[in-house]
PDB file of all heavy atoms in Angstrom:
ATOM      1  N   ILE A   1       0.874  -1.174   0.015  1.00  0.00           N
ATOM      2  CA  ILE A   1      -0.017   0.022  -0.002  1.00  0.00           C
ATOM      3  C   ILE A   1       0.880   1.238  -0.027  1.00  0.00           C
ATOM      4  O   ILE A   1       1.745   1.404   0.875  1.00  0.00           O
ATOM      5  CB  ILE A   1      -0.919   0.022   1.204  1.00  0.00           C
ATOM      6  CG1 ILE A   1      -1.814  -1.290   1.262  1.00  0.00           C
ATOM      7  CG2 ILE A   1      -1.789   1.268   1.174  1.00  0.00           C
ATOM      8  CD1 ILE A   1      -2.686  -1.365   2.483  1.00  0.00           C
ATOM      9  N   ILE A   2       0.693   2.081  -0.985  1.00  0.00           N
ATOM     10  CA  ILE A   2       1.459   3.295  -1.071  1.00  0.00           C
ATOM     11  C   ILE A   2       0.530   4.470  -0.737  1.00  0.00           C
ATOM     12  O   ILE A   2      -0.450   4.697  -1.424  1.00  0.00           O
ATOM     13  CB  ILE A   2       2.057   3.477  -2.506  1.00  0.00           C
ATOM     14  CG1 ILE A   2       2.936   2.251  -2.796  1.00  0.00           C
ATOM     15  CG2 ILE A   2       2.865   4.793  -2.607  1.00  0.00           C
ATOM     16  CD1 ILE A   2       3.531   2.273  -4.262  1.00  0.00           C
ATOM     17  N   GLY A   3       0.877   5.182   0.305  1.00  0.00           N
ATOM     18  CA  GLY A   3       0.065   6.270   0.798  1.00  0.00           C
ATOM     19  C   GLY A   3      -0.777   5.859   1.959  1.00  0.00           C
ATOM     20  O   GLY A   3      -1.780   5.142   1.804  1.00  0.00           O
ATOM     21  N   ILE A   4      -0.352   6.216   3.130  1.00  0.00           N
ATOM     22  CA  ILE A   4      -1.005   5.739   4.338  1.00  0.00           C
ATOM     23  C   ILE A   4      -1.789   6.891   5.036  1.00  0.00           C
ATOM     24  O   ILE A   4      -1.296   7.401   6.028  1.00  0.00           O
ATOM     25  CB  ILE A   4      -0.043   5.074   5.311  1.00  0.00           C
ATOM     26  CG1 ILE A   4       0.824   3.968   4.576  1.00  0.00           C
ATOM     27  CG2 ILE A   4      -0.775   4.450   6.472  1.00  0.00           C
ATOM     28  CD1 ILE A   4       0.019   2.884   3.898  1.00  0.00           C
ATOM     29  N   GLY A   5      -2.944   7.205   4.444  1.00  0.00           N
ATOM     30  CA  GLY A   5      -3.868   8.105   5.123  1.00  0.00           C
ATOM     31  C   GLY A   5      -4.905   7.202   5.800  1.00  0.00           C
ATOM     32  O   GLY A   5      -4.622   6.056   6.112  1.00  0.00           O
ATOM     33  N   GLN A   6      -6.115   7.692   5.963  1.00  0.00           N
ATOM     34  CA  GLN A   6      -7.124   6.879   6.642  1.00  0.00           C
ATOM     35  C   GLN A   6      -7.472   5.665   5.856  1.00  0.00           C
ATOM     36  O   GLN A   6      -7.605   4.534   6.394  1.00  0.00           O
ATOM     37  CB  GLN A   6      -8.399   7.705   6.841  1.00  0.00           C
ATOM     38  CG  GLN A   6      -8.216   8.815   7.886  1.00  0.00           C
ATOM     39  CD  GLN A   6      -9.478   9.642   8.088  1.00  0.00           C
ATOM     40  OE1 GLN A   6     -10.447   9.548   7.333  1.00  0.00           O
ATOM     41  NE2 GLN A   6      -9.469  10.494   9.145  1.00  0.00           N
ATOM     42  N   PHE A   7      -7.642   5.792   4.530  1.00  0.00           N
ATOM     43  CA  PHE A   7      -7.990   4.611   3.726  1.00  0.00           C
ATOM     44  C   PHE A   7      -6.828   3.594   3.691  1.00  0.00           C
ATOM     45  O   PHE A   7      -7.033   2.440   3.892  1.00  0.00           O
ATOM     46  CB  PHE A   7      -8.284   5.043   2.291  1.00  0.00           C
ATOM     47  CG  PHE A   7      -8.523   4.010   1.314  1.00  0.00           C
ATOM     48  CD1 PHE A   7      -9.662   3.178   1.379  1.00  0.00           C
ATOM     49  CD2 PHE A   7      -7.617   3.682   0.305  1.00  0.00           C
ATOM     50  CE1 PHE A   7      -9.899   2.146   0.467  1.00  0.00           C
ATOM     51  CE2 PHE A   7      -7.774   2.649  -0.589  1.00  0.00           C
ATOM     52  CZ  PHE A   7      -8.931   1.915  -0.505  1.00  0.00           C
ATOM     53  N   GLY A   8      -5.606   4.027   3.449  1.00  0.00           N
ATOM     54  CA  GLY A   8      -4.493   3.158   3.390  1.00  0.00           C
ATOM     55  C   GLY A   8      -4.235   2.447   4.717  1.00  0.00           C
ATOM     56  O   GLY A   8      -3.945   1.268   4.726  1.00  0.00           O
ATOM     57  N   TYR A   9      -4.388   3.146   5.785  1.00  0.00           N
ATOM     58  CA  TYR A   9      -4.137   2.623   7.110  1.00  0.00           C
ATOM     59  C   TYR A   9      -5.246   1.500   7.418  1.00  0.00           C
ATOM     60  O   TYR A   9      -4.835   0.422   7.806  1.00  0.00           O
ATOM     61  CB  TYR A   9      -4.238   3.727   8.151  1.00  0.00           C
ATOM     62  CG  TYR A   9      -3.811   3.313   9.556  1.00  0.00           C
ATOM     63  CD1 TYR A   9      -2.461   3.580   9.923  1.00  0.00           C
ATOM     64  CD2 TYR A   9      -4.643   2.764  10.450  1.00  0.00           C
ATOM     65  CE1 TYR A   9      -1.999   3.248  11.201  1.00  0.00           C
ATOM     66  CE2 TYR A   9      -4.211   2.422  11.771  1.00  0.00           C
ATOM     67  CZ  TYR A   9      -2.884   2.699  12.101  1.00  0.00           C
ATOM     68  OH  TYR A   9      -2.424   2.376  13.389  1.00  0.00           O
ATOM     69  N   ALA A  10      -6.481   1.812   7.161  1.00  0.00           N
ATOM     70  CA  ALA A  10      -7.516   0.817   7.407  1.00  0.00           C
ATOM     71  C   ALA A  10      -7.360  -0.365   6.473  1.00  0.00           C
ATOM     72  O   ALA A  10      -7.567  -1.510   6.916  1.00  0.00           O
ATOM     73  CB  ALA A  10      -8.897   1.514   7.122  1.00  0.00           C
ATOM     74  N   ALA A  11      -7.017  -0.178   5.231  1.00  0.00           N
ATOM     75  CA  ALA A  11      -6.767  -1.252   4.291  1.00  0.00           C
ATOM     76  C   ALA A  11      -5.640  -2.202   4.763  1.00  0.00           C
ATOM     77  O   ALA A  11      -5.709  -3.400   4.790  1.00  0.00           O
ATOM     78  CB  ALA A  11      -6.506  -0.773   2.906  1.00  0.00           C
ATOM     79  N   ALA A  12      -4.601  -1.585   5.236  1.00  0.00           N
ATOM     80  CA  ALA A  12      -3.407  -2.310   5.715  1.00  0.00           C
ATOM     81  C   ALA A  12      -3.770  -3.192   6.875  1.00  0.00           C
ATOM     82  O   ALA A  12      -3.414  -4.412   6.875  1.00  0.00           O
ATOM     83  CB  ALA A  12      -2.295  -1.367   6.055  1.00  0.00           C
ATOM     84  N   LEU A  13      -4.416  -2.625   7.859  1.00  0.00           N
ATOM     85  CA  LEU A  13      -4.850  -3.413   9.061  1.00  0.00           C
ATOM     86  C   LEU A  13      -5.761  -4.553   8.704  1.00  0.00           C
ATOM     87  O   LEU A  13      -5.638  -5.661   9.273  1.00  0.00           O
ATOM     88  CB  LEU A  13      -5.438  -2.506  10.125  1.00  0.00           C
ATOM     89  CG  LEU A  13      -4.515  -1.443  10.680  1.00  0.00           C
ATOM     90  CD1 LEU A  13      -5.198  -0.663  11.827  1.00  0.00           C
ATOM     91  CD2 LEU A  13      -3.177  -2.032  11.181  1.00  0.00           C
ATOM     92  N   GLN A  14      -6.776  -4.295   7.802  1.00  0.00           N
ATOM     93  CA  GLN A  14      -7.656  -5.355   7.422  1.00  0.00           C
ATOM     94  C   GLN A  14      -6.954  -6.484   6.642  1.00  0.00           C
ATOM     95  O   GLN A  14      -7.232  -7.648   6.848  1.00  0.00           O
ATOM     96  CB  GLN A  14      -8.827  -4.795   6.638  1.00  0.00           C
ATOM     97  CG  GLN A  14      -9.991  -5.794   6.451  1.00  0.00           C
ATOM     98  CD  GLN A  14     -10.564  -6.256   7.764  1.00  0.00           C
ATOM     99  OE1 GLN A  14     -10.979  -5.466   8.557  1.00  0.00           O
ATOM    100  NE2 GLN A  14     -10.583  -7.560   7.967  1.00  0.00           N
ATOM    101  N   LEU A  15      -6.056  -6.099   5.767  1.00  0.00           N
ATOM    102  CA  LEU A  15      -5.272  -7.140   5.026  1.00  0.00           C
ATOM    103  C   LEU A  15      -4.457  -7.994   5.940  1.00  0.00           C
ATOM    104  O   LEU A  15      -4.399  -9.236   5.808  1.00  0.00           O
ATOM    105  CB  LEU A  15      -4.392  -6.443   3.995  1.00  0.00           C
ATOM    106  CG  LEU A  15      -5.080  -5.931   2.720  1.00  0.00           C
ATOM    107  CD1 LEU A  15      -4.169  -4.983   1.952  1.00  0.00           C
ATOM    108  CD2 LEU A  15      -5.498  -7.117   1.853  1.00  0.00           C
ATOM    109  N   ILE A  16      -3.868  -7.352   6.971  1.00  0.00           N
ATOM    110  CA  ILE A  16      -3.082  -8.151   8.007  1.00  0.00           C
ATOM    111  C   ILE A  16      -4.022  -9.053   8.739  1.00  0.00           C
ATOM    112  O   ILE A  16      -3.720 -10.214   8.967  1.00  0.00           O
ATOM    113  CB  ILE A  16      -2.344  -7.177   8.941  1.00  0.00           C
ATOM    114  CG1 ILE A  16      -1.167  -6.523   8.305  1.00  0.00           C
ATOM    115  CG2 ILE A  16      -1.924  -7.859  10.240  1.00  0.00           C
ATOM    116  CD1 ILE A  16       0.016  -7.461   7.986  1.00  0.00           C
ATOM    117  N   GLU A  17      -5.159  -8.535   9.177  1.00  0.00           N
ATOM    118  CA  GLU A  17      -6.097  -9.341   9.926  1.00  0.00           C
ATOM    119  C   GLU A  17      -6.558 -10.565   9.113  1.00  0.00           C
ATOM    120  O   GLU A  17      -6.858 -11.574   9.620  1.00  0.00           O
ATOM    121  CB  GLU A  17      -7.291  -8.499  10.357  1.00  0.00           C
ATOM    122  CG  GLU A  17      -8.254  -9.230  11.269  1.00  0.00           C
ATOM    123  CD  GLU A  17      -9.384  -8.317  11.852  1.00  0.00           C
ATOM    124  OE1 GLU A  17      -9.078  -7.242  12.215  1.00  0.00           O
ATOM    125  OE2 GLU A  17     -10.539  -8.811  11.840  1.00  0.00           O
ATOM    126  N   ASN A  18      -6.677 -10.390   7.769  1.00  0.00           N
ATOM    127  CA  ASN A  18      -7.084 -11.452   6.885  1.00  0.00           C
ATOM    128  C   ASN A  18      -5.969 -12.437   6.560  1.00  0.00           C
ATOM    129  O   ASN A  18      -6.126 -13.311   5.753  1.00  0.00           O
ATOM    130  CB  ASN A  18      -7.655 -10.874   5.592  1.00  0.00           C
ATOM    131  CG  ASN A  18      -9.023 -10.191   5.814  1.00  0.00           C
ATOM    132  OD1 ASN A  18      -9.593 -10.240   6.910  1.00  0.00           O
ATOM    133  ND2 ASN A  18      -9.489  -9.517   4.785  1.00  0.00           N
ATOM    134  N   GLY A  19      -4.783 -12.188   7.141  1.00  0.00           N
ATOM    135  CA  GLY A  19      -3.649 -13.175   7.008  1.00  0.00           C
ATOM    136  C   GLY A  19      -2.754 -12.851   5.820  1.00  0.00           C
ATOM    137  O   GLY A  19      -2.006 -13.708   5.402  1.00  0.00           O
ATOM    138  N   ASN A  20      -2.691 -11.641   5.335  1.00  0.00           N
ATOM    139  CA  ASN A  20      -1.821 -11.300   4.174  1.00  0.00           C
ATOM    140  C   ASN A  20      -0.540 -10.636   4.682  1.00  0.00           C
ATOM    141  O   ASN A  20      -0.468 -10.095   5.786  1.00  0.00           O
ATOM    142  CB  ASN A  20      -2.568 -10.313   3.274  1.00  0.00           C
ATOM    143  CG  ASN A  20      -3.820 -10.973   2.697  1.00  0.00           C
ATOM    144  OD1 ASN A  20      -3.788 -11.797   1.889  1.00  0.00           O
ATOM    145  ND2 ASN A  20      -4.938 -10.488   3.194  1.00  0.00           N
ATOM    146  N   GLN A  21       0.465 -10.730   3.809  1.00  0.00           N
ATOM    147  CA  GLN A  21       1.703  -9.943   4.054  1.00  0.00           C
ATOM    148  C   GLN A  21       1.464  -8.576   3.518  1.00  0.00           C
ATOM    149  O   GLN A  21       0.927  -8.353   2.440  1.00  0.00           O
ATOM    150  CB  GLN A  21       2.887 -10.555   3.270  1.00  0.00           C
ATOM    151  CG  GLN A  21       3.296 -11.958   3.819  1.00  0.00           C
ATOM    152  CD  GLN A  21       3.982 -11.866   5.135  1.00  0.00           C
ATOM    153  OE1 GLN A  21       4.791 -11.035   5.338  1.00  0.00           O
ATOM    154  NE2 GLN A  21       3.581 -12.739   6.075  1.00  0.00           N
ATOM    155  N   VAL A  22       1.792  -7.505   4.318  1.00  0.00           N
ATOM    156  CA  VAL A  22       1.517  -6.150   3.943  1.00  0.00           C
ATOM    157  C   VAL A  22       2.786  -5.257   4.139  1.00  0.00           C
ATOM    158  O   VAL A  22       3.320  -5.204   5.199  1.00  0.00           O
ATOM    159  CB  VAL A  22       0.351  -5.578   4.672  1.00  0.00           C
ATOM    160  CG1 VAL A  22       0.126  -4.115   4.294  1.00  0.00           C
ATOM    161  CG2 VAL A  22      -0.922  -6.424   4.523  1.00  0.00           C
ATOM    162  N   CYS A  23       3.108  -4.652   3.007  1.00  0.00           N
ATOM    163  CA  CYS A  23       4.194  -3.620   3.065  1.00  0.00           C
ATOM    164  C   CYS A  23       3.491  -2.325   2.886  1.00  0.00           C
ATOM    165  O   CYS A  23       2.702  -2.082   1.919  1.00  0.00           O
ATOM    166  CB  CYS A  23       5.197  -3.855   1.913  1.00  0.00           C
ATOM    167  SG  CYS A  23       6.362  -2.546   1.760  1.00  0.00           S
ATOM    168  N   VAL A  24       3.775  -1.313   3.739  1.00  0.00           N
ATOM    169  CA  VAL A  24       3.225   0.044   3.600  1.00  0.00           C
ATOM    170  C   VAL A  24       4.346   0.980   3.264  1.00  0.00           C
ATOM    171  O   VAL A  24       5.459   0.846   3.816  1.00  0.00           O
ATOM    172  CB  VAL A  24       2.456   0.490   4.857  1.00  0.00           C
ATOM    173  CG1 VAL A  24       1.191  -0.384   5.099  1.00  0.00           C
ATOM    174  CG2 VAL A  24       3.297   0.521   6.062  1.00  0.00           C
ATOM    175  N   ILE A  25       4.002   1.966   2.435  1.00  0.00           N
ATOM    176  CA  ILE A  25       4.997   2.972   2.067  1.00  0.00           C
ATOM    177  C   ILE A  25       4.371   4.356   2.153  1.00  0.00           C
ATOM    178  O   ILE A  25       3.274   4.600   1.680  1.00  0.00           O
ATOM    179  CB  ILE A  25       5.482   2.704   0.653  1.00  0.00           C
ATOM    180  CG1 ILE A  25       6.111   1.305   0.464  1.00  0.00           C
ATOM    181  CG2 ILE A  25       6.487   3.841   0.177  1.00  0.00           C
ATOM    182  CD1 ILE A  25       6.412   0.890  -0.948  1.00  0.00           C
ATOM    183  N   ASP A  26       5.081   5.227   2.776  1.00  0.00           N
ATOM    184  CA  ASP A  26       4.601   6.646   2.864  1.00  0.00           C
ATOM    185  C   ASP A  26       5.842   7.496   3.059  1.00  0.00           C
ATOM    186  O   ASP A  26       6.900   7.014   3.622  1.00  0.00           O
ATOM    187  CB  ASP A  26       3.663   6.808   4.058  1.00  0.00           C
ATOM    188  CG  ASP A  26       2.846   8.110   3.929  1.00  0.00           C
ATOM    189  OD1 ASP A  26       3.349   9.214   4.289  1.00  0.00           O
ATOM    190  OD2 ASP A  26       1.659   7.988   3.462  1.00  0.00           O
ATOM    191  N   LYS A  27       5.769   8.764   2.615  1.00  0.00           N
ATOM    192  CA  LYS A  27       6.947   9.663   2.736  1.00  0.00           C
ATOM    193  C   LYS A  27       6.988  10.313   4.136  1.00  0.00           C
ATOM    194  O   LYS A  27       8.011  10.884   4.479  1.00  0.00           O
ATOM    195  CB  LYS A  27       6.889  10.733   1.703  1.00  0.00           C
ATOM    196  CG  LYS A  27       5.641  11.642   1.753  1.00  0.00           C
ATOM    197  CD  LYS A  27       5.676  12.605   0.546  1.00  0.00           C
ATOM    198  CE  LYS A  27       4.449  13.433   0.605  1.00  0.00           C
ATOM    199  NZ  LYS A  27       4.373  14.323  -0.555  1.00  0.00           N
ATOM    200  N   ASN A  28       5.950  10.157   4.973  1.00  0.00           N
ATOM    201  CA  ASN A  28       5.885  10.763   6.284  1.00  0.00           C
ATOM    202  C   ASN A  28       6.377   9.767   7.344  1.00  0.00           C
ATOM    203  O   ASN A  28       5.757   8.739   7.621  1.00  0.00           O
ATOM    204  CB  ASN A  28       4.484  11.206   6.599  1.00  0.00           C
ATOM    205  CG  ASN A  28       4.341  11.943   7.887  1.00  0.00           C
ATOM    206  OD1 ASN A  28       4.970  11.652   8.830  1.00  0.00           O
ATOM    207  ND2 ASN A  28       3.467  12.961   7.864  1.00  0.00           N
ATOM    208  N   ILE A  29       7.569  10.074   7.947  1.00  0.00           N
ATOM    209  CA  ILE A  29       8.121   9.196   8.920  1.00  0.00           C
ATOM    210  C   ILE A  29       7.279   8.916  10.156  1.00  0.00           C
ATOM    211  O   ILE A  29       7.291   7.823  10.689  1.00  0.00           O
ATOM    212  CB  ILE A  29       9.558   9.639   9.346  1.00  0.00           C
ATOM    213  CG1 ILE A  29      10.285   8.614  10.196  1.00  0.00           C
ATOM    214  CG2 ILE A  29       9.486  10.952  10.126  1.00  0.00           C
ATOM    215  CD1 ILE A  29      10.655   7.323   9.467  1.00  0.00           C
ATOM    216  N   SER A  30       6.446   9.909  10.574  1.00  0.00           N
ATOM    217  CA  SER A  30       5.656   9.700  11.752  1.00  0.00           C
ATOM    218  C   SER A  30       4.501   8.738  11.416  1.00  0.00           C
ATOM    219  O   SER A  30       4.123   7.947  12.311  1.00  0.00           O
ATOM    220  CB  SER A  30       5.047  11.028  12.292  1.00  0.00           C
ATOM    221  OG  SER A  30       4.256  11.628  11.347  1.00  0.00           O
ATOM    222  N   ILE A  31       4.025   8.724  10.227  1.00  0.00           N
ATOM    223  CA  ILE A  31       3.012   7.743   9.846  1.00  0.00           C
ATOM    224  C   ILE A  31       3.596   6.380   9.797  1.00  0.00           C
ATOM    225  O   ILE A  31       2.988   5.386  10.304  1.00  0.00           O
ATOM    226  CB  ILE A  31       2.377   8.116   8.436  1.00  0.00           C
ATOM    227  CG1 ILE A  31       1.525   9.460   8.575  1.00  0.00           C
ATOM    228  CG2 ILE A  31       1.541   6.969   7.857  1.00  0.00           C
ATOM    229  CD1 ILE A  31       1.052   9.968   7.247  1.00  0.00           C
ATOM    230  N   ILE A  32       4.790   6.231   9.249  1.00  0.00           N
ATOM    231  CA  ILE A  32       5.456   4.952   9.198  1.00  0.00           C
ATOM    232  C   ILE A  32       5.703   4.430  10.619  1.00  0.00           C
ATOM    233  O   ILE A  32       5.525   3.263  10.932  1.00  0.00           O
ATOM    234  CB  ILE A  32       6.733   5.046   8.371  1.00  0.00           C
ATOM    235  CG1 ILE A  32       6.387   5.252   6.919  1.00  0.00           C
ATOM    236  CG2 ILE A  32       7.572   3.744   8.524  1.00  0.00           C
ATOM    237  CD1 ILE A  32       5.515   4.163   6.241  1.00  0.00           C
ATOM    238  N   SER A  33       6.126   5.340  11.512  1.00  0.00           N
ATOM    239  CA  SER A  33       6.403   4.962  12.891  1.00  0.00           C
ATOM    240  C   SER A  33       5.153   4.412  13.631  1.00  0.00           C
ATOM    241  O   SER A  33       5.247   3.520  14.415  1.00  0.00           O
ATOM    242  CB  SER A  33       6.925   6.158  13.652  1.00  0.00           C
ATOM    243  OG  SER A  33       8.189   6.533  13.139  1.00  0.00           O
ATOM    244  N   ASN A  34       3.998   5.031  13.292  1.00  0.00           N
ATOM    245  CA  ASN A  34       2.740   4.625  13.925  1.00  0.00           C
ATOM    246  C   ASN A  34       2.206   3.272  13.501  1.00  0.00           C
ATOM    247  O   ASN A  34       1.506   2.607  14.148  1.00  0.00           O
ATOM    248  CB  ASN A  34       1.648   5.670  13.712  1.00  0.00           C
ATOM    249  CG  ASN A  34       1.919   6.931  14.507  1.00  0.00           C
ATOM    250  OD1 ASN A  34       2.574   6.922  15.519  1.00  0.00           O
ATOM    251  ND2 ASN A  34       1.392   8.058  14.005  1.00  0.00           N
ATOM    252  N   ILE A  35       2.624   2.886  12.252  1.00  0.00           N
ATOM    253  CA  ILE A  35       2.044   1.656  11.700  1.00  0.00           C
ATOM    254  C   ILE A  35       3.088   0.483  11.615  1.00  0.00           C
ATOM    255  O   ILE A  35       2.685  -0.668  11.494  1.00  0.00           O
ATOM    256  CB  ILE A  35       1.423   1.930  10.343  1.00  0.00           C
ATOM    257  CG1 ILE A  35       0.452   0.736   9.963  1.00  0.00           C
ATOM    258  CG2 ILE A  35       2.462   2.153   9.255  1.00  0.00           C
ATOM    259  CD1 ILE A  35      -0.402   1.004   8.749  1.00  0.00           C
ATOM    260  N   GLN A  36       4.334   0.761  11.755  1.00  0.00           N
ATOM    261  CA  GLN A  36       5.365  -0.264  11.477  1.00  0.00           C
ATOM    262  C   GLN A  36       5.263  -1.543  12.314  1.00  0.00           C
ATOM    263  O   GLN A  36       5.542  -2.633  11.850  1.00  0.00           O
ATOM    264  CB  GLN A  36       6.771   0.344  11.685  1.00  0.00           C
ATOM    265  CG  GLN A  36       7.161   0.723  13.062  1.00  0.00           C
ATOM    266  CD  GLN A  36       8.508   1.382  13.140  1.00  0.00           C
ATOM    267  OE1 GLN A  36       9.126   1.581  12.106  1.00  0.00           O
ATOM    268  NE2 GLN A  36       8.907   1.780  14.322  1.00  0.00           N
ATOM    269  N   ASP A  37       4.751  -1.464  13.585  1.00  0.00           N
ATOM    270  CA  ASP A  37       4.598  -2.650  14.357  1.00  0.00           C
ATOM    271  C   ASP A  37       3.358  -3.460  14.051  1.00  0.00           C
ATOM    272  O   ASP A  37       3.151  -4.504  14.579  1.00  0.00           O
ATOM    273  CB  ASP A  37       4.537  -2.265  15.849  1.00  0.00           C
ATOM    274  CG  ASP A  37       5.891  -1.632  16.281  1.00  0.00           C
ATOM    275  OD1 ASP A  37       6.961  -1.995  15.696  1.00  0.00           O
ATOM    276  OD2 ASP A  37       5.909  -0.868  17.278  1.00  0.00           O
ATOM    277  N   LYS A  38       2.506  -2.888  13.213  1.00  0.00           N
ATOM    278  CA  LYS A  38       1.208  -3.564  12.864  1.00  0.00           C
ATOM    279  C   LYS A  38       1.209  -4.275  11.530  1.00  0.00           C
ATOM    280  O   LYS A  38       0.283  -5.010  11.175  1.00  0.00           O
ATOM    281  CB  LYS A  38       0.073  -2.518  12.879  1.00  0.00           C
ATOM    282  CG  LYS A  38      -0.102  -1.891  14.222  1.00  0.00           C
ATOM    283  CD  LYS A  38      -1.097  -0.747  14.197  1.00  0.00           C
ATOM    284  CE  LYS A  38      -1.371  -0.123  15.555  1.00  0.00           C
ATOM    285  NZ  LYS A  38      -0.656   1.060  15.743  1.00  0.00           N
ATOM    286  N   VAL A  39       2.279  -4.039  10.721  1.00  0.00           N
ATOM    287  CA  VAL A  39       2.295  -4.613   9.343  1.00  0.00           C
ATOM    288  C   VAL A  39       3.584  -5.409   9.157  1.00  0.00           C
ATOM    289  O   VAL A  39       4.500  -5.419  10.018  1.00  0.00           O
ATOM    290  CB  VAL A  39       2.221  -3.478   8.324  1.00  0.00           C
ATOM    291  CG1 VAL A  39       0.918  -2.795   8.366  1.00  0.00           C
ATOM    292  CG2 VAL A  39       3.386  -2.496   8.409  1.00  0.00           C
ATOM    293  N   SER A  40       3.710  -6.080   8.085  1.00  0.00           N
ATOM    294  CA  SER A  40       4.916  -6.895   7.766  1.00  0.00           C
ATOM    295  C   SER A  40       6.124  -6.035   7.564  1.00  0.00           C
ATOM    296  O   SER A  40       7.209  -6.329   8.089  1.00  0.00           O
ATOM    297  CB  SER A  40       4.638  -7.790   6.531  1.00  0.00           C
ATOM    298  OG  SER A  40       3.389  -8.467   6.670  1.00  0.00           O
TER     299      SER A  40
END
């Protein structure tokens, strides 16, 4: 998922919950810091 706003964040968490491998990419380091422990 490229672009982690509300939609990207929700999509990432649901994909993880469904058992998928998820890589998230965003240019904002604080967004990446907030989600890095929840995704692959």
